[in-house]
Amino acid sequence: MDIIFEKAFLEKLAHNKYSDFDSLPIQEQNQIKSSIIKDLLHRDQGELDTMQNNSDNFRVQTPDFEMMMRKKAGRSQKKNRCKKTIF
């Protein structure tokens, strides 16, 4: 299900970035999508790295905070796996 949402999001981004996207050759459409996915993966990985580094700096020892950070990191990793599958 996540892959479907990621593909739909990718299509939306491609159409927003290129108004004539549908009229482009399939090979060019795939290149555009590939470029968008690479950018998204790079951005998401950077955000995940920053979040993990920041969580190490907080030193908060509450179980709620730890659980929240694990869930957030898990969601980010899952999104990255979906994007890598699409790519």
PDB file of N, CA and C in Angstrom:
ATOM      1  N   MET A   1       0.824  -1.188   0.000  1.00  0.00           N
ATOM      2  CA  MET A   1       0.000   0.000   0.000  1.00  0.00           C
ATOM      3  C   MET A   1       0.874   1.261   0.000  1.00  0.00           C
ATOM      4  N   ASP A   2       1.964   1.201   0.754  1.00  0.00           N
ATOM      5  CA  ASP A   2       2.854   2.365   0.820  1.00  0.00           C
ATOM      6  C   ASP A   2       3.473   2.670  -0.539  1.00  0.00           C
ATOM      7  N   ILE A   3       3.794   1.617  -1.277  1.00  0.00           N
ATOM      8  CA  ILE A   3       4.405   1.819  -2.588  1.00  0.00           C
ATOM      9  C   ILE A   3       3.429   2.519  -3.522  1.00  0.00           C
ATOM     10  N   ILE A   4       2.149   2.176  -3.415  1.00  0.00           N
ATOM     11  CA  ILE A   4       1.131   2.823  -4.247  1.00  0.00           C
ATOM     12  C   ILE A   4       1.081   4.315  -3.953  1.00  0.00           C
ATOM     13  N   PHE A   5       1.097   4.675  -2.670  1.00  0.00           N
ATOM     14  CA  PHE A   5       1.059   6.086  -2.291  1.00  0.00           C
ATOM     15  C   PHE A   5       2.319   6.814  -2.750  1.00  0.00           C
ATOM     16  N   GLU A   6       3.464   6.155  -2.612  1.00  0.00           N
ATOM     17  CA  GLU A   6       4.715   6.789  -3.045  1.00  0.00           C
ATOM     18  C   GLU A   6       4.725   7.002  -4.555  1.00  0.00           C
ATOM     19  N   LYS A   7       4.223   6.020  -5.315  1.00  0.00           N
ATOM     20  CA  LYS A   7       4.165   6.169  -6.770  1.00  0.00           C
ATOM     21  C   LYS A   7       3.210   7.292  -7.165  1.00  0.00           C
ATOM     22  N   ALA A   8       2.082   7.380  -6.478  1.00  0.00           N
ATOM     23  CA  ALA A   8       1.124   8.452  -6.766  1.00  0.00           C
ATOM     24  C   ALA A   8       1.745   9.816  -6.455  1.00  0.00           C
ATOM     25  N   PHE A   9       2.469   9.894  -5.350  1.00  0.00           N
ATOM     26  CA  PHE A   9       3.145  11.135  -4.975  1.00  0.00           C
ATOM     27  C   PHE A   9       4.202  11.499  -6.017  1.00  0.00           C
ATOM     28  N   LEU A  10       4.929  10.505  -6.490  1.00  0.00           N
ATOM     29  CA  LEU A  10       5.948  10.724  -7.516  1.00  0.00           C
ATOM     30  C   LEU A  10       5.316  11.258  -8.800  1.00  0.00           C
ATOM     31  N   GLU A  11       4.203  10.658  -9.206  1.00  0.00           N
ATOM     32  CA  GLU A  11       3.494  11.125 -10.401  1.00  0.00           C
ATOM     33  C   GLU A  11       3.043  12.571 -10.238  1.00  0.00           C
ATOM     34  N   LYS A  12       2.521  12.872  -9.062  1.00  0.00           N
ATOM     35  CA  LYS A  12       2.055  14.246  -8.801  1.00  0.00           C
ATOM     36  C   LYS A  12       3.214  15.236  -8.888  1.00  0.00           C
ATOM     37  N   LEU A  13       4.340  14.885  -8.292  1.00  0.00           N
ATOM     38  CA  LEU A  13       5.506  15.774  -8.356  1.00  0.00           C
ATOM     39  C   LEU A  13       5.980  15.964  -9.790  1.00  0.00           C
ATOM     40  N   ALA A  14       6.008  14.880 -10.546  1.00  0.00           N
ATOM     41  CA  ALA A  14       6.462  14.966 -11.938  1.00  0.00           C
ATOM     42  C   ALA A  14       5.536  15.864 -12.756  1.00  0.00           C
ATOM     43  N   HIS A  15       4.231  15.725 -12.547  1.00  0.00           N
ATOM     44  CA  HIS A  15       3.277  16.552 -13.287  1.00  0.00           C
ATOM     45  C   HIS A  15       3.331  18.022 -12.850  1.00  0.00           C
ATOM     46  N   ASN A  16       3.596  18.239 -11.575  1.00  0.00           N
ATOM     47  CA  ASN A  16       3.717  19.618 -11.097  1.00  0.00           C
ATOM     48  C   ASN A  16       4.983  20.290 -11.633  1.00  0.00           C
ATOM     49  N   LYS A  17       6.045  19.517 -11.747  1.00  0.00           N
ATOM     50  CA  LYS A  17       7.317  20.074 -12.188  1.00  0.00           C
ATOM     51  C   LYS A  17       7.343  20.273 -13.704  1.00  0.00           C
ATOM     52  N   TYR A  18       6.681  19.383 -14.439  1.00  0.00           N
ATOM     53  CA  TYR A  18       6.657  19.439 -15.902  1.00  0.00           C
ATOM     54  C   TYR A  18       5.206  19.391 -16.369  1.00  0.00           C
ATOM     55  N   SER A  19       4.689  20.515 -16.798  1.00  0.00           N
ATOM     56  CA  SER A  19       3.279  20.578 -17.199  1.00  0.00           C
ATOM     57  C   SER A  19       2.986  19.701 -18.420  1.00  0.00           C
ATOM     58  N   ASP A  20       4.000  19.473 -19.253  1.00  0.00           N
ATOM     59  CA  ASP A  20       3.821  18.634 -20.438  1.00  0.00           C
ATOM     60  C   ASP A  20       4.320  17.202 -20.217  1.00  0.00           C
ATOM     61  N   PHE A  21       4.353  16.771 -18.984  1.00  0.00           N
ATOM     62  CA  PHE A  21       4.921  15.467 -18.623  1.00  0.00           C
ATOM     63  C   PHE A  21       4.317  14.327 -19.435  1.00  0.00           C
ATOM     64  N   ASP A  22       3.010  14.315 -19.593  1.00  0.00           N
ATOM     65  CA  ASP A  22       2.349  13.213 -20.301  1.00  0.00           C
ATOM     66  C   ASP A  22       2.716  13.151 -21.781  1.00  0.00           C
ATOM     67  N   SER A  23       3.114  14.268 -22.339  1.00  0.00           N
ATOM     68  CA  SER A  23       3.449  14.276 -23.766  1.00  0.00           C
ATOM     69  C   SER A  23       4.919  13.934 -24.025  1.00  0.00           C
ATOM     70  N   LEU A  24       5.709  13.813 -22.966  1.00  0.00           N
ATOM     71  CA  LEU A  24       7.125  13.471 -23.125  1.00  0.00           C
ATOM     72  C   LEU A  24       7.270  11.984 -23.436  1.00  0.00           C
ATOM     73  N   PRO A  25       8.360  11.607 -24.110  1.00  0.00           N
ATOM     74  CA  PRO A  25       8.610  10.184 -24.362  1.00  0.00           C
ATOM     75  C   PRO A  25       8.757   9.413 -23.034  1.00  0.00           C
ATOM     76  N   ILE A  26       8.371   8.149 -23.057  1.00  0.00           N
ATOM     77  CA  ILE A  26       8.408   7.321 -21.845  1.00  0.00           C
ATOM     78  C   ILE A  26       9.791   7.309 -21.216  1.00  0.00           C
ATOM     79  N   GLN A  27      10.825   7.229 -22.037  1.00  0.00           N
ATOM     80  CA  GLN A  27      12.189   7.204 -21.515  1.00  0.00           C
ATOM     81  C   GLN A  27      12.505   8.486 -20.745  1.00  0.00           C
ATOM     82  N   GLU A  28      12.070   9.606 -21.268  1.00  0.00           N
ATOM     83  CA  GLU A  28      12.298  10.883 -20.582  1.00  0.00           C
ATOM     84  C   GLU A  28      11.463  10.973 -19.307  1.00  0.00           C
ATOM     85  N   GLN A  29      10.233  10.466 -19.347  1.00  0.00           N
ATOM     86  CA  GLN A  29       9.397  10.426 -18.144  1.00  0.00           C
ATOM     87  C   GLN A  29      10.081   9.604 -17.056  1.00  0.00           C
ATOM     88  N   ASN A  30      10.647   8.469 -17.440  1.00  0.00           N
ATOM     89  CA  ASN A  30      11.335   7.616 -16.466  1.00  0.00           C
ATOM     90  C   ASN A  30      12.579   8.294 -15.906  1.00  0.00           C
ATOM     91  N   GLN A  31      13.291   9.034 -16.750  1.00  0.00           N
ATOM     92  CA  GLN A  31      14.462   9.781 -16.279  1.00  0.00           C
ATOM     93  C   GLN A  31      14.053  10.835 -15.254  1.00  0.00           C
ATOM     94  N   ILE A  32      12.970  11.538 -15.551  1.00  0.00           N
ATOM     95  CA  ILE A  32      12.476  12.574 -14.642  1.00  0.00           C
ATOM     96  C   ILE A  32      12.083  11.951 -13.302  1.00  0.00           C
ATOM     97  N   LYS A  33      11.340  10.857 -13.355  1.00  0.00           N
ATOM     98  CA  LYS A  33      10.919  10.180 -12.124  1.00  0.00           C
ATOM     99  C   LYS A  33      12.129   9.686 -11.334  1.00  0.00           C
ATOM    100  N   SER A  34      13.101   9.149 -12.051  1.00  0.00           N
ATOM    101  CA  SER A  34      14.314   8.658 -11.399  1.00  0.00           C
ATOM    102  C   SER A  34      15.050   9.791 -10.688  1.00  0.00           C
ATOM    103  N   SER A  35      15.131  10.917 -11.341  1.00  0.00           N
ATOM    104  CA  SER A  35      15.791  12.084 -10.749  1.00  0.00           C
ATOM    105  C   SER A  35      15.042  12.564  -9.503  1.00  0.00           C
ATOM    106  N   ILE A  36      13.722  12.594  -9.582  1.00  0.00           N
ATOM    107  CA  ILE A  36      12.913  13.030  -8.438  1.00  0.00           C
ATOM    108  C   ILE A  36      13.105  12.065  -7.267  1.00  0.00           C
ATOM    109  N   ILE A  37      13.084  10.758  -7.549  1.00  0.00           N
ATOM    110  CA  ILE A  37      13.269   9.755  -6.494  1.00  0.00           C
ATOM    111  C   ILE A  37      14.638   9.904  -5.835  1.00  0.00           C
ATOM    112  N   LYS A  38      15.676  10.111  -6.647  1.00  0.00           N
ATOM    113  CA  LYS A  38      17.022  10.294  -6.085  1.00  0.00           C
ATOM    114  C   LYS A  38      17.048  11.485  -5.135  1.00  0.00           C
ATOM    115  N   ASP A  39      16.435  12.595  -5.567  1.00  0.00           N
ATOM    116  CA  ASP A  39      16.391  13.792  -4.720  1.00  0.00           C
ATOM    117  C   ASP A  39      15.631  13.529  -3.429  1.00  0.00           C
ATOM    118  N   LEU A  40      14.499  12.843  -3.535  1.00  0.00           N
ATOM    119  CA  LEU A  40      13.699  12.547  -2.349  1.00  0.00           C
ATOM    120  C   LEU A  40      14.450  11.623  -1.393  1.00  0.00           C
ATOM    121  N   LEU A  41      15.114  10.609  -1.936  1.00  0.00           N
ATOM    122  CA  LEU A  41      15.886   9.692  -1.094  1.00  0.00           C
ATOM    123  C   LEU A  41      17.008  10.429  -0.374  1.00  0.00           C
ATOM    124  N   HIS A  42      17.692  11.289  -1.104  1.00  0.00           N
ATOM    125  CA  HIS A  42      18.785  12.060  -0.496  1.00  0.00           C
ATOM    126  C   HIS A  42      18.248  12.949   0.636  1.00  0.00           C
ATOM    127  N   ARG A  43      17.144  13.626   0.362  1.00  0.00           N
ATOM    128  CA  ARG A  43      16.546  14.497   1.366  1.00  0.00           C
ATOM    129  C   ARG A  43      16.079  13.703   2.588  1.00  0.00           C
ATOM    130  N   ASP A  44      15.368  12.600   2.339  1.00  0.00           N
ATOM    131  CA  ASP A  44      14.847  11.789   3.441  1.00  0.00           C
ATOM    132  C   ASP A  44      15.967  11.172   4.270  1.00  0.00           C
ATOM    133  N   GLN A  45      17.035  10.719   3.610  1.00  0.00           N
ATOM    134  CA  GLN A  45      18.156  10.142   4.353  1.00  0.00           C
ATOM    135  C   GLN A  45      18.824  11.214   5.215  1.00  0.00           C
ATOM    136  N   GLY A  46      18.947  12.410   4.682  1.00  0.00           N
ATOM    137  CA  GLY A  46      19.513  13.516   5.464  1.00  0.00           C
ATOM    138  C   GLY A  46      18.668  13.837   6.679  1.00  0.00           C
ATOM    139  N   GLU A  47      17.344  13.845   6.496  1.00  0.00           N
ATOM    140  CA  GLU A  47      16.444  14.109   7.623  1.00  0.00           C
ATOM    141  C   GLU A  47      16.540  13.000   8.667  1.00  0.00           C
ATOM    142  N   LEU A  48      16.635  11.757   8.213  1.00  0.00           N
ATOM    143  CA  LEU A  48      16.752  10.632   9.140  1.00  0.00           C
ATOM    144  C   LEU A  48      18.056  10.711   9.922  1.00  0.00           C
ATOM    145  N   ASP A  49      19.143  11.019   9.239  1.00  0.00           N
ATOM    146  CA  ASP A  49      20.438  11.160   9.919  1.00  0.00           C
ATOM    147  C   ASP A  49      20.394  12.285  10.948  1.00  0.00           C
ATOM    148  N   THR A  50      19.808  13.413  10.567  1.00  0.00           N
ATOM    149  CA  THR A  50      19.701  14.552  11.483  1.00  0.00           C
ATOM    150  C   THR A  50      18.856  14.189  12.698  1.00  0.00           C
ATOM    151  N   MET A  51      17.743  13.511  12.456  1.00  0.00           N
ATOM    152  CA  MET A  51      16.864  13.126  13.558  1.00  0.00           C
ATOM    153  C   MET A  51      17.587  12.181  14.517  1.00  0.00           C
ATOM    154  N   GLN A  52      18.326  11.221  13.978  1.00  0.00           N
ATOM    155  CA  GLN A  52      19.032  10.287  14.844  1.00  0.00           C
ATOM    156  C   GLN A  52      20.145  10.982  15.623  1.00  0.00           C
ATOM    157  N   ASN A  53      20.856  11.907  14.968  1.00  0.00           N
ATOM    158  CA  ASN A  53      21.901  12.654  15.666  1.00  0.00           C
ATOM    159  C   ASN A  53      21.309  13.533  16.755  1.00  0.00           C
ATOM    160  N   ASN A  54      20.193  14.186  16.444  1.00  0.00           N
ATOM    161  CA  ASN A  54      19.555  15.054  17.439  1.00  0.00           C
ATOM    162  C   ASN A  54      19.002  14.259  18.609  1.00  0.00           C
ATOM    163  N   SER A  55      18.463  13.080  18.342  1.00  0.00           N
ATOM    164  CA  SER A  55      17.909  12.287  19.444  1.00  0.00           C
ATOM    165  C   SER A  55      19.011  11.850  20.396  1.00  0.00           C
ATOM    166  N   ASP A  56      20.222  11.620  19.876  1.00  0.00           N
ATOM    167  CA  ASP A  56      21.349  11.272  20.742  1.00  0.00           C
ATOM    168  C   ASP A  56      21.737  12.439  21.640  1.00  0.00           C
ATOM    169  N   ASN A  57      21.526  13.664  21.159  1.00  0.00           N
ATOM    170  CA  ASN A  57      21.911  14.852  21.920  1.00  0.00           C
ATOM    171  C   ASN A  57      20.904  15.220  23.005  1.00  0.00           C
ATOM    172  N   PHE A  58      19.662  14.740  22.910  1.00  0.00           N
ATOM    173  CA  PHE A  58      18.645  15.167  23.856  1.00  0.00           C
ATOM    174  C   PHE A  58      18.833  14.590  25.246  1.00  0.00           C
ATOM    175  N   ARG A  59      19.283  13.387  25.353  1.00  0.00           N
ATOM    176  CA  ARG A  59      19.515  12.739  26.648  1.00  0.00           C
ATOM    177  C   ARG A  59      18.261  12.683  27.518  1.00  0.00           C
ATOM    178  N   VAL A  60      17.121  12.629  26.888  1.00  0.00           N
ATOM    179  CA  VAL A  60      15.875  12.495  27.631  1.00  0.00           C
ATOM    180  C   VAL A  60      15.670  11.012  27.890  1.00  0.00           C
ATOM    181  N   GLN A  61      15.436  10.655  29.112  1.00  0.00           N
ATOM    182  CA  GLN A  61      15.355   9.247  29.483  1.00  0.00           C
ATOM    183  C   GLN A  61      13.927   8.766  29.704  1.00  0.00           C
ATOM    184  N   THR A  62      12.958   9.461  29.127  1.00  0.00           N
ATOM    185  CA  THR A  62      11.577   9.016  29.314  1.00  0.00           C
ATOM    186  C   THR A  62      11.229   7.978  28.247  1.00  0.00           C
ATOM    187  N   PRO A  63      10.479   6.968  28.646  1.00  0.00           N
ATOM    188  CA  PRO A  63      10.084   5.932  27.681  1.00  0.00           C
ATOM    189  C   PRO A  63       9.233   6.489  26.539  1.00  0.00           C
ATOM    190  N   ASP A  64       8.398   7.493  26.831  1.00  0.00           N
ATOM    191  CA  ASP A  64       7.548   8.076  25.791  1.00  0.00           C
ATOM    192  C   ASP A  64       8.377   8.730  24.691  1.00  0.00           C
ATOM    193  N   PHE A  65       9.411   9.449  25.085  1.00  0.00           N
ATOM    194  CA  PHE A  65      10.269  10.110  24.110  1.00  0.00           C
ATOM    195  C   PHE A  65      11.001   9.083  23.256  1.00  0.00           C
ATOM    196  N   GLU A  66      11.527   8.054  23.911  1.00  0.00           N
ATOM    197  CA  GLU A  66      12.240   7.001  23.188  1.00  0.00           C
ATOM    198  C   GLU A  66      11.319   6.311  22.183  1.00  0.00           C
ATOM    199  N   MET A  67      10.091   6.024  22.604  1.00  0.00           N
ATOM    200  CA  MET A  67       9.133   5.359  21.733  1.00  0.00           C
ATOM    201  C   MET A  67       8.775   6.257  20.548  1.00  0.00           C
ATOM    202  N   MET A  68       8.565   7.536  20.818  1.00  0.00           N
ATOM    203  CA  MET A  68       8.230   8.476  19.764  1.00  0.00           C
ATOM    204  C   MET A  68       9.350   8.537  18.725  1.00  0.00           C
ATOM    205  N   MET A  69      10.587   8.608  19.178  1.00  0.00           N
ATOM    206  CA  MET A  69      11.722   8.691  18.264  1.00  0.00           C
ATOM    207  C   MET A  69      11.885   7.396  17.465  1.00  0.00           C
ATOM    208  N   ARG A  70      11.663   6.250  18.096  1.00  0.00           N
ATOM    209  CA  ARG A  70      11.755   4.972  17.379  1.00  0.00           C
ATOM    210  C   ARG A  70      10.684   4.874  16.295  1.00  0.00           C
ATOM    211  N   LYS A  71       9.462   5.325  16.627  1.00  0.00           N
ATOM    212  CA  LYS A  71       8.377   5.284  15.646  1.00  0.00           C
ATOM    213  C   LYS A  71       8.671   6.213  14.466  1.00  0.00           C
ATOM    214  N   LYS A  72       9.152   7.402  14.785  1.00  0.00           N
ATOM    215  CA  LYS A  72       9.459   8.373  13.733  1.00  0.00           C
ATOM    216  C   LYS A  72      10.583   7.848  12.838  1.00  0.00           C
ATOM    217  N   ALA A  73      11.605   7.290  13.439  1.00  0.00           N
ATOM    218  CA  ALA A  73      12.713   6.726  12.659  1.00  0.00           C
ATOM    219  C   ALA A  73      12.222   5.544  11.824  1.00  0.00           C
ATOM    220  N   GLY A  74      11.368   4.727  12.394  1.00  0.00           N
ATOM    221  CA  GLY A  74      10.825   3.583  11.671  1.00  0.00           C
ATOM    222  C   GLY A  74      10.012   4.006  10.455  1.00  0.00           C
ATOM    223  N   ARG A  75       9.196   5.044  10.626  1.00  0.00           N
ATOM    224  CA  ARG A  75       8.407   5.558   9.495  1.00  0.00           C
ATOM    225  C   ARG A  75       9.313   6.096   8.400  1.00  0.00           C
ATOM    226  N   SER A  76      10.346   6.813   8.789  1.00  0.00           N
ATOM    227  CA  SER A  76      11.275   7.368   7.800  1.00  0.00           C
ATOM    228  C   SER A  76      12.008   6.254   7.059  1.00  0.00           C
ATOM    229  N   GLN A  77      12.434   5.244   7.777  1.00  0.00           N
ATOM    230  CA  GLN A  77      13.123   4.129   7.136  1.00  0.00           C
ATOM    231  C   GLN A  77      12.189   3.376   6.192  1.00  0.00           C
ATOM    232  N   LYS A  78      10.932   3.230   6.592  1.00  0.00           N
ATOM    233  CA  LYS A  78       9.951   2.546   5.746  1.00  0.00           C
ATOM    234  C   LYS A  78       9.717   3.331   4.451  1.00  0.00           C
ATOM    235  N   LYS A  79       9.613   4.648   4.559  1.00  0.00           N
ATOM    236  CA  LYS A  79       9.445   5.481   3.369  1.00  0.00           C
ATOM    237  C   LYS A  79      10.648   5.342   2.442  1.00  0.00           C
ATOM    238  N   ASN A  80      11.833   5.321   3.019  1.00  0.00           N
ATOM    239  CA  ASN A  80      13.036   5.176   2.205  1.00  0.00           C
ATOM    240  C   ASN A  80      13.064   3.823   1.499  1.00  0.00           C
ATOM    241  N   ARG A  81      12.666   2.766   2.194  1.00  0.00           N
ATOM    242  CA  ARG A  81      12.625   1.442   1.556  1.00  0.00           C
ATOM    243  C   ARG A  81      11.644   1.430   0.385  1.00  0.00           C
ATOM    244  N   CYS A  82      10.501   2.062   0.558  1.00  0.00           N
ATOM    245  CA  CYS A  82       9.506   2.137  -0.523  1.00  0.00           C
ATOM    246  C   CYS A  82      10.086   2.875  -1.727  1.00  0.00           C
ATOM    247  N   LYS A  83      10.746   3.989  -1.482  1.00  0.00           N
ATOM    248  CA  LYS A  83      11.319   4.767  -2.576  1.00  0.00           C
ATOM    249  C   LYS A  83      12.426   3.985  -3.284  1.00  0.00           C
ATOM    250  N   LYS A  84      13.220   3.251  -2.509  1.00  0.00           N
ATOM    251  CA  LYS A  84      14.272   2.450  -3.117  1.00  0.00           C
ATOM    252  C   LYS A  84      13.674   1.316  -3.947  1.00  0.00           C
ATOM    253  N   THR A  85      12.567   0.770  -3.511  1.00  0.00           N
ATOM    254  CA  THR A  85      11.886  -0.275  -4.275  1.00  0.00           C
ATOM    255  C   THR A  85      11.383   0.276  -5.601  1.00  0.00           C
ATOM    256  N   ILE A  86      10.839   1.479  -5.569  1.00  0.00           N
ATOM    257  CA  ILE A  86      10.338   2.118  -6.783  1.00  0.00           C
ATOM    258  C   ILE A  86      11.489   2.450  -7.719  1.00  0.00           C
ATOM    259  N   PHE A  87      12.595   2.910  -7.140  1.00  0.00           N
ATOM    260  CA  PHE A  87      13.747   3.333  -7.920  1.00  0.00           C
ATOM    261  C   PHE A  87      14.368   2.143  -8.590  1.00  0.00           C
TER     262      PHE A  87
END
